[in-house]
Protein backbone atom coordinates (compact mmCIF):
# COMPACT_ATOMS: atom_id res chain seq x y z
CA MET A 1 -3.33 21.77 31.43
CA GLU A 2 -3.49 18.63 29.33
CA LEU A 3 -0.70 17.29 27.14
CA ARG A 4 -2.75 18.13 24.04
CA GLN A 5 -2.85 21.78 25.10
CA TYR A 6 0.93 21.86 25.57
CA LEU A 7 1.37 20.37 22.11
CA LEU A 8 -1.00 23.00 20.72
CA ILE A 9 1.08 25.75 22.36
CA LEU A 10 4.25 24.35 20.83
CA ARG A 11 2.63 24.05 17.43
CA ARG A 12 1.22 27.56 17.67
CA ASN A 13 4.65 28.98 18.53
CA TRP A 14 6.78 26.77 16.31
CA ILE A 15 8.32 29.76 14.54
CA VAL A 16 9.60 31.17 17.85
CA ILE A 17 10.96 27.78 18.89
CA VAL A 18 12.70 27.12 15.57
CA THR A 19 14.14 30.63 15.56
CA LEU A 20 15.64 30.26 19.03
CA VAL A 21 17.00 26.82 18.16
CA LEU A 22 18.75 28.29 15.12
CA VAL A 23 20.05 31.16 17.25
CA GLY A 24 21.37 28.62 19.76
CA LEU A 25 23.16 26.73 17.00
CA LEU A 26 24.68 29.94 15.65
CA VAL A 27 25.82 31.05 19.09
CA GLY A 28 27.30 27.61 19.79
CA GLY A 29 29.12 27.52 16.47
CA PHE A 30 30.35 31.10 16.80
CA THR A 31 31.59 30.42 20.33
CA ALA A 32 33.46 27.34 19.14
CA ILE A 33 35.08 29.30 16.33
CA MET A 34 36.06 32.20 18.58
CA THR A 35 37.45 29.98 21.35
CA LYS A 36 41.20 29.55 21.15
CA PRO A 37 42.23 25.92 20.52
CA VAL A 38 43.75 23.87 23.34
CA TYR A 39 46.04 20.90 22.67
CA ARG A 40 46.37 17.89 24.91
CA ALA A 41 49.53 15.77 25.12
CA ALA A 42 49.85 12.64 27.26
CA THR A 43 52.46 10.22 28.47
CA GLN A 44 52.22 6.95 30.36
CA LEU A 45 54.42 5.56 33.13
CA PHE A 46 54.91 1.98 34.39
CA VAL A 47 55.61 1.44 38.08
CA ALA A 48 57.48 -1.69 39.21
CA THR A 49 59.67 -2.99 42.05
CA GLN A 50 63.39 -3.47 41.67
CA SER A 51 63.60 -6.65 43.75
CA SER A 52 64.09 -9.91 41.90
CA GLY A 53 63.27 -12.42 44.61
CA SER A 54 60.92 -15.35 44.71
CA VAL A 55 57.42 -15.44 43.26
CA GLN A 56 56.03 -14.64 46.67
CA ASP A 57 58.28 -11.58 46.88
CA LEU A 58 57.10 -10.46 43.46
CA GLN A 59 53.45 -10.82 44.49
CA THR A 60 54.10 -8.88 47.65
CA GLY A 61 55.91 -6.18 45.70
CA ASN A 62 53.10 -5.95 43.17
CA SER A 63 50.55 -5.43 45.95
CA PHE A 64 52.83 -2.80 47.42
CA ILE A 65 53.11 -0.96 44.10
CA GLN A 66 49.34 -0.98 43.48
CA ALA A 67 48.80 0.50 46.92
CA ARG A 68 51.37 3.23 46.22
CA VAL A 69 50.26 4.20 42.69
CA SER A 70 47.40 6.43 43.92
CA SER A 71 49.91 8.31 46.05
CA TYR A 72 52.20 8.80 43.08
CA VAL A 73 49.27 10.20 41.06
CA LYS A 74 48.67 12.87 43.69
CA THR A 75 52.40 13.55 43.96
CA ALA A 76 52.50 14.46 40.27
CA LEU A 77 50.49 17.63 41.03
CA THR A 78 52.62 18.82 43.94
CA PRO A 79 55.25 21.58 43.84
CA THR A 80 57.91 18.90 44.44
CA VAL A 81 57.27 17.67 40.90
CA LEU A 82 56.14 20.85 39.16
CA GLU A 83 58.79 23.30 40.33
CA PRO A 84 61.59 21.46 38.52
CA VAL A 85 59.42 21.42 35.40
CA ILE A 86 58.95 25.19 35.54
CA ALA A 87 62.67 25.71 36.08
CA THR A 88 63.69 23.33 33.30
CA LEU A 89 61.34 24.73 30.65
CA GLY A 90 61.46 28.33 31.84
CA LEU A 91 57.71 28.60 32.18
CA ASP A 92 56.14 31.88 33.35
CA THR A 93 53.70 30.31 35.80
CA THR A 94 53.39 29.00 39.34
CA PRO A 95 53.06 25.37 40.49
CA GLN A 96 49.44 26.02 41.46
CA GLN A 97 48.61 27.41 38.01
CA LEU A 98 50.46 24.62 36.25
CA ALA A 99 48.66 22.00 38.37
CA LYS A 100 45.34 23.14 36.86
CA ARG A 101 46.62 22.21 33.38
CA VAL A 102 48.04 18.82 34.42
CA THR A 103 45.92 15.71 34.84
CA ALA A 104 47.31 12.57 36.50
CA SER A 105 45.34 9.35 36.76
CA SER A 106 45.72 5.61 37.07
CA ASP A 107 43.57 2.66 36.12
CA LEU A 108 42.29 0.39 38.87
CA SER A 109 44.19 -2.85 39.40
CA THR A 110 47.07 -1.65 37.23
CA VAL A 111 50.44 -0.03 37.83
CA LEU A 112 50.15 2.46 34.98
CA ILE A 113 50.07 6.22 35.53
CA SER A 114 48.80 8.55 32.83
CA ILE A 115 49.86 12.18 32.77
CA ALA A 116 48.16 14.65 30.41
CA VAL A 117 48.84 18.35 29.91
CA GLU A 118 46.74 20.98 28.13
CA ASP A 119 48.32 23.97 26.45
CA ARG A 120 47.61 26.28 23.54
CA SER A 121 50.83 25.11 21.91
CA PRO A 122 50.98 21.45 20.87
CA VAL A 123 54.77 21.35 21.19
CA GLN A 124 54.78 22.90 24.63
CA ALA A 125 52.00 20.58 25.78
CA ALA A 126 54.17 17.57 24.84
CA ALA A 127 57.25 19.12 26.45
CA ILE A 128 55.48 19.81 29.74
CA ALA A 129 53.93 16.33 29.82
CA GLN A 130 57.34 14.70 29.29
CA ALA A 131 58.97 17.00 31.85
CA VAL A 132 56.31 16.19 34.46
CA ALA A 133 56.85 12.47 33.86
CA ASN A 134 60.64 12.81 34.25
CA SER A 135 60.25 14.98 37.34
CA LEU A 136 57.84 12.47 38.88
CA ILE A 137 60.37 9.65 38.33
CA VAL A 138 63.05 11.64 40.14
CA ALA A 139 60.74 12.69 42.95
CA VAL A 140 59.45 9.16 43.62
CA ASP A 141 62.98 7.76 43.50
CA ARG A 142 64.02 10.31 46.11
CA LEU A 143 60.94 9.86 48.29
CA GLU A 144 61.10 6.04 48.27
CA MET A 145 64.84 5.88 48.96
CA PRO A 146 65.52 4.00 52.23
CA THR A 147 66.79 6.13 55.11
CA ASN A 148 69.75 3.84 55.66
CA GLY A 149 70.87 4.31 52.08
CA GLY A 150 70.61 2.12 49.05
CA ASP A 151 68.42 2.15 45.96
CA SER A 152 64.70 2.89 45.89
CA PRO A 153 62.56 -0.26 45.84
CA VAL A 154 60.35 1.40 43.20
CA LYS A 155 61.23 1.86 39.59
CA ILE A 156 59.16 4.07 37.25
CA SER A 157 59.67 3.90 33.52
CA VAL A 158 58.16 5.84 30.61
CA VAL A 159 56.31 3.43 28.38
CA THR A 160 54.56 6.00 26.16
CA PRO A 161 56.55 9.16 25.48
CA ALA A 162 54.62 12.40 24.97
CA SER A 163 54.27 13.64 21.41
CA ALA A 164 52.87 16.87 19.97
CA PRO A 165 49.14 16.41 19.09
CA LEU A 166 48.11 17.10 15.53
CA ALA A 167 44.57 18.36 16.35
CA PRO A 168 43.24 20.40 19.27
CA SER A 169 41.32 18.66 22.00
CA SER A 170 39.01 21.65 22.41
CA PRO A 171 36.86 23.36 21.43
CA ASN A 172 34.77 20.43 20.24
CA MET A 173 32.45 21.83 17.56
CA LYS A 174 29.91 19.01 17.94
CA ILE A 175 29.59 19.54 21.69
CA TYR A 176 29.19 23.29 21.27
CA LEU A 177 26.50 22.78 18.64
CA VAL A 178 24.61 20.25 20.78
CA VAL A 179 24.75 22.55 23.80
CA GLY A 180 23.59 25.50 21.66
CA LEU A 181 20.74 23.43 20.22
CA MET A 182 19.54 22.25 23.62
CA ALA A 183 19.80 25.76 25.09
CA GLY A 184 17.89 27.23 22.15
CA LEU A 185 15.21 24.54 22.40
CA ALA A 186 14.78 25.15 26.13
CA LEU A 187 14.56 28.90 25.62
CA GLY A 188 12.08 28.38 22.78
CA ILE A 189 9.77 26.24 24.92
CA VAL A 190 9.96 28.70 27.81
CA ALA A 191 9.28 31.60 25.42
CA ALA A 192 6.29 29.75 23.93
CA LEU A 193 4.77 29.08 27.35
CA LEU A 194 5.46 32.63 28.52
CA ARG A 195 4.04 34.10 25.34
CA THR A 196 0.89 32.02 25.64
CA THR A 197 0.46 33.00 29.29
CA LEU A 198 0.85 36.72 28.61
CA ASP A 199 -1.04 36.76 25.30
CA SER A 200 -4.74 37.30 25.99
CA ARG A 201 -5.85 37.40 22.35
CA VAL A 202 -8.55 35.02 21.21
CA ARG A 203 -7.10 32.67 18.62
CA SER A 204 -9.64 29.88 18.34
CA GLU A 205 -12.91 28.48 19.63
CA ARG A 206 -11.06 26.94 22.58
CA ASP A 207 -10.23 30.39 23.95
CA LEU A 208 -13.93 31.34 24.03
CA ALA A 209 -15.09 28.39 26.11
CA PRO A 210 -14.10 29.89 29.51
CA LEU A 211 -15.53 33.32 28.61
CA THR A 212 -19.14 32.61 27.65
CA SER A 213 -21.72 29.87 27.66
CA SER A 214 -23.14 31.12 24.36
CA PRO A 215 -22.50 28.79 21.41
CA VAL A 216 -20.12 29.55 18.57
CA LEU A 217 -22.50 29.76 15.63
CA GLY A 218 -19.83 29.93 12.99
CA GLY A 219 -16.31 30.73 11.98
CA ILE A 220 -15.73 33.09 9.06
CA ALA A 221 -12.75 31.85 7.09
CA PHE A 222 -9.90 34.30 6.68
CA ASP A 223 -9.52 35.79 3.22
CA ALA A 224 -6.65 38.14 2.42
CA ASP A 225 -8.78 39.85 -0.24
CA ALA A 226 -11.65 40.58 2.18
CA THR A 227 -10.30 44.05 2.94
CA LYS A 228 -10.61 45.09 -0.70
CA ASN A 229 -13.66 42.93 -1.47
CA PRO A 230 -15.66 42.51 1.75
CA LEU A 231 -18.74 41.09 0.02
CA VAL A 232 -18.84 37.37 -0.65
CA SER A 233 -21.04 38.05 -3.68
CA ASN A 234 -18.05 39.65 -5.39
CA GLY A 235 -16.07 36.41 -5.27
CA SER A 236 -16.60 32.76 -5.99
CA ALA A 237 -19.86 31.37 -4.69
CA HIS A 238 -18.00 28.24 -3.62
CA SER A 239 -15.20 29.89 -1.66
CA GLN A 240 -14.58 28.97 1.95
CA ARG A 241 -15.61 32.43 3.10
CA ALA A 242 -18.92 32.26 1.22
CA GLU A 243 -19.58 28.82 2.67
CA SER A 244 -18.80 30.20 6.14
CA PHE A 245 -21.70 32.66 5.89
CA ARG A 246 -24.07 29.98 4.61
CA GLN A 247 -23.19 27.85 7.58
CA LEU A 248 -23.68 30.84 9.89
CA ARG A 249 -27.08 31.44 8.29
CA THR A 250 -28.12 27.86 8.96
CA ASN A 251 -26.87 27.82 12.55
CA LEU A 252 -28.52 31.18 13.25
CA GLN A 253 -31.86 29.82 12.10
CA PHE A 254 -31.61 27.02 14.67
CA ALA A 255 -30.47 29.39 17.41
CA HIS A 256 -33.30 31.82 16.60
CA VAL A 257 -36.04 29.28 16.05
CA SER A 258 -37.74 29.84 19.44
CA HIS A 259 -37.71 33.65 19.22
CA LYS A 260 -40.77 35.57 18.16
CA SER A 261 -38.68 38.57 17.12
CA LYS A 262 -37.13 38.48 13.66
CA THR A 263 -34.44 41.05 14.44
CA VAL A 264 -30.81 40.14 15.05
CA LEU A 265 -28.33 42.74 16.27
CA VAL A 266 -24.73 42.26 15.09
CA THR A 267 -22.04 43.89 17.22
CA SER A 268 -18.52 43.38 18.58
CA SER A 269 -16.48 44.39 21.59
CA LEU A 270 -14.18 46.86 19.76
CA PRO A 271 -13.88 48.35 16.25
CA GLY A 272 -11.95 46.44 13.63
CA GLU A 273 -13.32 42.97 14.33
CA GLY A 274 -15.41 42.82 11.15
CA LYS A 275 -18.95 43.21 12.49
CA SER A 276 -20.17 45.39 9.58
CA SER A 277 -18.90 43.00 6.91
CA THR A 278 -20.35 40.08 8.90
CA ALA A 279 -23.77 41.73 9.16
CA THR A 280 -23.79 42.65 5.46
CA ASN A 281 -22.72 39.22 4.21
CA LEU A 282 -25.08 37.48 6.61
CA ALA A 283 -27.98 39.52 5.21
CA ILE A 284 -26.90 38.62 1.66
CA ALA A 285 -26.70 34.91 2.60
CA ILE A 286 -30.16 34.96 4.14
CA ALA A 287 -31.59 36.73 1.10
CA GLU A 288 -30.02 34.10 -1.16
CA SER A 289 -32.06 31.45 0.67
CA GLY A 290 -35.27 33.08 -0.61
CA GLN A 291 -36.21 35.15 2.43
CA SER A 292 -36.92 38.85 2.42
CA VAL A 293 -34.29 40.66 4.46
CA ALA A 294 -33.94 44.18 5.81
CA LEU A 295 -30.38 45.27 6.55
CA VAL A 296 -30.21 48.30 8.84
CA ASP A 297 -27.00 50.26 9.42
CA ALA A 298 -27.43 51.44 13.02
CA ASP A 299 -23.76 52.31 13.45
CA LEU A 300 -24.35 56.04 13.62
CA ARG A 301 -20.72 56.81 14.36
CA ARG A 302 -18.74 54.90 11.70
CA PRO A 303 -21.28 53.57 9.18
CA MET A 304 -19.88 51.11 6.62
CA VAL A 305 -22.85 49.32 5.01
CA ALA A 306 -23.48 52.00 2.39
CA LYS A 307 -19.81 51.93 1.42
CA TYR A 308 -19.76 48.12 1.15
CA LEU A 309 -22.90 47.96 -0.99
CA GLY A 310 -22.32 51.14 -3.01
CA LEU A 311 -25.56 52.79 -1.85
CA GLU A 312 -26.58 56.31 -0.93
CA GLY A 313 -25.81 56.88 2.73
CA GLN A 314 -26.90 60.45 3.40
CA ALA A 315 -30.57 59.53 3.77
CA GLY A 316 -31.41 56.56 5.93
CA LEU A 317 -32.07 55.55 9.53
CA THR A 318 -31.55 58.96 11.14
CA THR A 319 -33.75 60.53 8.45
CA ALA A 320 -36.58 58.17 9.39
CA LEU A 321 -36.12 58.56 13.16
CA ILE A 322 -36.40 62.35 13.08
CA GLY A 323 -39.46 62.14 10.82
CA GLN A 324 -38.06 63.77 7.69
CA ALA A 325 -39.05 60.81 5.49
CA ASP A 326 -40.91 57.54 5.73
CA VAL A 327 -38.86 54.35 6.05
CA GLN A 328 -40.65 53.02 2.95
CA ASP A 329 -39.04 55.76 0.89
CA LEU A 330 -35.60 55.27 2.45
CA MET A 331 -35.16 51.52 1.93
CA GLN A 332 -32.90 50.72 -1.03
CA PRO A 333 -33.11 47.37 -2.84
CA TRP A 334 -29.85 45.59 -3.55
CA GLY A 335 -29.03 42.64 -5.75
CA LYS A 336 -31.36 40.20 -7.45
CA ASN A 337 -32.74 38.78 -4.19
CA GLU A 338 -35.14 40.41 -1.75
CA LEU A 339 -32.55 42.34 0.21
CA HIS A 340 -33.47 45.91 1.17
CA VAL A 341 -31.02 48.18 2.93
CA LEU A 342 -31.63 51.09 5.28
CA THR A 343 -28.37 52.99 5.45
CA SER A 344 -27.35 55.10 8.45
CA GLY A 345 -28.18 58.53 7.09
CA ARG A 346 -26.43 61.60 8.41
CA ILE A 347 -24.37 61.11 11.57
CA PRO A 348 -26.29 62.74 14.47
CA PRO A 349 -24.86 64.35 17.63
CA ASN A 350 -26.95 62.05 19.87
CA PRO A 351 -26.79 58.46 18.49
CA SER A 352 -27.62 56.73 21.79
CA GLU A 353 -30.77 58.79 22.31
CA LEU A 354 -31.99 58.10 18.79
CA LEU A 355 -31.34 54.34 18.99
CA GLY A 356 -33.09 54.11 22.36
CA SER A 357 -36.09 56.15 21.31
CA VAL A 358 -39.67 55.01 20.85
CA GLU A 359 -39.35 55.80 17.14
CA MET A 360 -36.58 53.21 16.84
CA LYS A 361 -38.71 50.57 18.52
CA LEU A 362 -41.63 51.33 16.21
CA LEU A 363 -39.34 51.21 13.18
CA ILE A 364 -38.05 47.76 14.18
CA ASP A 365 -41.59 46.50 14.72
CA ARG A 366 -42.61 47.78 11.32
CA LEU A 367 -39.66 46.10 9.60
CA GLU A 368 -40.39 42.80 11.38
CA GLN A 369 -43.93 42.87 10.02
CA ALA A 370 -42.71 43.48 6.48
CA PHE A 371 -39.64 41.22 6.26
CA ASP A 372 -38.75 37.65 7.12
CA ALA A 373 -35.52 38.75 8.80
CA VAL A 374 -34.05 42.03 10.05
CA ILE A 375 -30.28 42.36 10.46
CA ILE A 376 -28.99 45.43 12.33
CA ASP A 377 -25.36 46.47 12.21
CA ALA A 378 -24.69 48.17 15.56
CA PRO A 379 -21.63 50.00 16.96
CA PRO A 380 -19.08 48.18 19.14
CA LEU A 381 -20.08 47.62 22.76
CA LEU A 382 -17.11 48.93 24.72
CA PRO A 383 -16.42 52.39 23.23
CA VAL A 384 -20.07 53.56 23.27
CA THR A 385 -23.42 52.57 24.79
CA ASP A 386 -25.37 52.51 21.51
CA SER A 387 -25.42 48.72 21.17
CA ALA A 388 -26.35 48.17 24.82
CA VAL A 389 -29.31 50.51 24.39
CA LEU A 390 -30.35 48.92 21.11
CA ALA A 391 -29.92 45.35 22.40
CA GLN A 392 -32.97 45.80 24.62
CA GLN A 393 -35.20 46.35 21.59
CA VAL A 394 -34.21 43.36 19.45
CA GLY A 395 -34.84 39.65 19.58
CA GLY A 396 -31.22 38.52 19.81
CA VAL A 397 -27.62 39.64 19.67
CA LEU A 398 -24.81 38.17 17.60
CA LEU A 399 -21.34 38.97 18.97
CA VAL A 400 -18.55 39.08 16.39
CA VAL A 401 -15.08 38.24 17.71
CA GLY A 402 -12.06 38.94 15.54
CA CYS A 403 -9.46 36.17 15.80
CA HIS A 404 -6.00 37.41 16.76
CA THR A 405 -7.58 40.86 17.32
CA ALA A 406 -9.95 40.66 20.27
CA LYS A 407 -8.61 40.04 23.76
CA ARG A 408 -10.22 37.94 26.43
CA PRO A 409 -10.74 40.77 28.97
CA GLN A 410 -12.48 42.85 26.30
CA ILE A 411 -14.81 40.02 25.36
CA GLU A 412 -15.62 39.36 29.00
CA LYS A 413 -16.50 43.02 29.47
CA ALA A 414 -18.63 43.05 26.31
CA ILE A 415 -20.57 39.96 27.43
CA SER A 416 -20.99 41.47 30.89
CA THR A 417 -22.40 44.63 29.29
CA LEU A 418 -24.98 42.59 27.37
CA GLN A 419 -25.92 40.67 30.52
CA LEU A 420 -26.47 43.91 32.44
CA VAL A 421 -29.13 45.01 29.94
CA ASP A 422 -30.61 41.50 29.90
CA ALA A 423 -29.83 41.03 26.20
CA ASP A 424 -30.40 37.64 24.58
CA VAL A 425 -27.01 36.60 23.15
CA LEU A 426 -27.79 34.09 20.42
CA GLY A 427 -24.16 33.17 19.91
CA VAL A 428 -20.67 34.20 18.91
CA VAL A 429 -19.16 34.46 15.44
CA LEU A 430 -15.43 33.99 15.03
CA ASN A 431 -14.20 36.23 12.25
CA ARG A 432 -11.01 35.91 10.20
CA VAL A 433 -10.43 32.34 11.35
CA PRO A 434 -7.32 30.74 9.79
CA THR A 435 -8.09 27.94 7.38
CA LYS A 436 -4.81 26.17 8.15
CA GLY A 437 -2.66 25.63 11.21
CA PRO A 438 -3.41 24.91 14.87
CA ASP A 439 -6.09 27.62 15.12
CA ALA A 440 -8.08 26.54 12.06
CA TYR A 441 -11.82 26.25 12.62
CA SER A 442 -12.98 22.75 13.46
CA TYR A 443 -15.65 22.59 10.73
CA SER A 444 -14.77 21.37 7.26
CA TYR A 445 -15.55 23.28 4.13
CA TYR A 446 -16.13 21.54 0.83
CA GLY A 447 -15.40 24.37 -1.53
CA TYR A 448 -14.11 24.55 -5.06
CA SER A 449 -13.41 27.29 -7.54
CA SER A 450 -15.33 27.57 -10.78
CA GLU A 451 -14.39 29.92 -13.58
CA SER A 452 -17.98 29.87 -14.77
CA SER A 453 -19.25 31.22 -11.46
CA LYS A 454 -19.92 34.94 -11.75
CA PRO A 455 -20.44 37.39 -8.87
CA VAL A 456 -23.95 38.53 -8.10
CA THR A 457 -24.55 42.05 -9.33
CA ARG A 458 -27.00 44.46 -7.77
CA VAL A 459 -29.51 46.73 -9.47
CA SER A 460 -27.46 49.90 -9.74
CA ASP A 461 -28.75 53.34 -8.83
CA HIS A 462 -27.93 54.48 -12.36
CA ALA A 463 -30.13 51.73 -13.84
CA ILE A 464 -33.08 52.77 -11.67
CA GLU A 465 -32.64 56.44 -12.51
CA THR A 466 -32.41 55.85 -16.26
CA ASN A 467 -34.98 53.07 -16.59
CA PRO A 468 -38.52 53.90 -15.33
CA VAL A 469 -39.61 50.28 -15.79
CA VAL A 470 -36.97 49.11 -13.29
CA GLU A 471 -37.96 51.87 -10.86
CA VAL A 472 -41.65 50.96 -11.03
CA ALA A 473 -40.90 47.25 -10.63
CA THR A 474 -38.73 47.74 -7.56
CA ARG A 475 -41.18 50.24 -6.01
CA ASP A 476 -44.14 47.89 -6.52
CA ALA A 477 -42.20 44.99 -5.03
CA PHE A 478 -41.19 47.06 -2.02
CA ASP A 479 -44.80 48.16 -1.47
CA ASP A 480 -45.81 44.49 -1.55
CA ILE A 481 -43.31 43.66 1.17
CA LEU A 482 -44.25 46.58 3.44
CA GLN A 483 -47.93 45.72 3.09
CA GLY A 484 -47.18 42.21 4.33
CA ARG A 485 -47.99 40.35 1.17
CA THR A 486 -46.68 36.89 0.76
CA SER A 487 -46.05 37.18 -2.96
CA ARG A 488 -42.51 37.63 -4.12
CA ARG A 489 -41.19 40.17 -6.56
CA ALA A 490 -40.87 38.88 -10.16
CA GLN A 491 -37.26 38.30 -11.06
């Protein structure tokens, strides 16, 4: 994995990382507040010889003292020194326990000994430190006393008496906060990497590269209002989402240029990825370019096209397949462009058999002869076999992948299903792609909002029913298309 990919993971999971960093800071600060304060008192001793001889004797004595200082430091932590301290101050502890709170040290090339004591009481810390220093003086004097009597050649004096500290030495709030921050940052990075490893959802075009060799024909920009208004014609013509479908239309024309068939099947791996809205808006975008388009709702289990476009859905594809009506009488015009819609009709008990029938193949052939483009909205691939059956009868398949919804294993299985039936996958469409952030689509959109832009309105069913002129005009135009005429319906 490259450095750029690691940076992308961190950017993608920045909320998790920041959250854990803040948690680490809170835990560090809370721990510091809840920790009982400890005070540190210190005293300093000077070690010298008691002889007052020549300069040479002084130099020899100084070397002797420096050699002995390290031994005195260790002696300060022995029971010989600490037991008198416990007895004098009446401490409820043992020499071993007290030794853990006492620190004795000396600087190199000096004859100074520092003794420090930690205690939860500042006064008692100073008292113990002073008592240890006094006890050490007595112990060294006794240990260095010559066996034949006389004074000890070593003299230890207190040069810095112990005093009660004004502030605790621990806990150190800054250290606790730094430790909490570093711990939170480490946990955040680990959580980000673990989350990325375990998360198999497709988030961007990069996640599709290892799954399929088919090109990504477009990314449909995410729009929070798309659930309520799925049609791009109901919004601004210059919105990012509307521009996404125009770009998809253009890329699809290049991907489909070598195909003799005019039919494109739009499907997805699972429900909820936006295949019906993609098929509907793609048909509208193609019709806006001046081509005649037939939109067929072949999702005979959960049809949505009629609901999106506000058309009659009880008579449609299934009605034509079972021979109850001619497809010419079932096609419904929509909008001001040459877009005609064949809704699903009544939901049958055998959708797969109907979609794989000879009648379906003949219907597709007839629509291809009458229209410049045929868009079929098909059911998802994994739950049912309808799309796999229908994919064998069309010129190409467009696979819609919902960002942050579809998972990589599901897409792999969907692509494998299409390969098993030898379907021609024209490309993949990423739906609900974020327009900002690390997963934003790589293409740029030059959109702007215009208050003067008005949504495209369709010719309503009520207008056709109440106005015979409109009905005759639309019927004549439809007859022209089905008869293969090149003339276009008068606007």
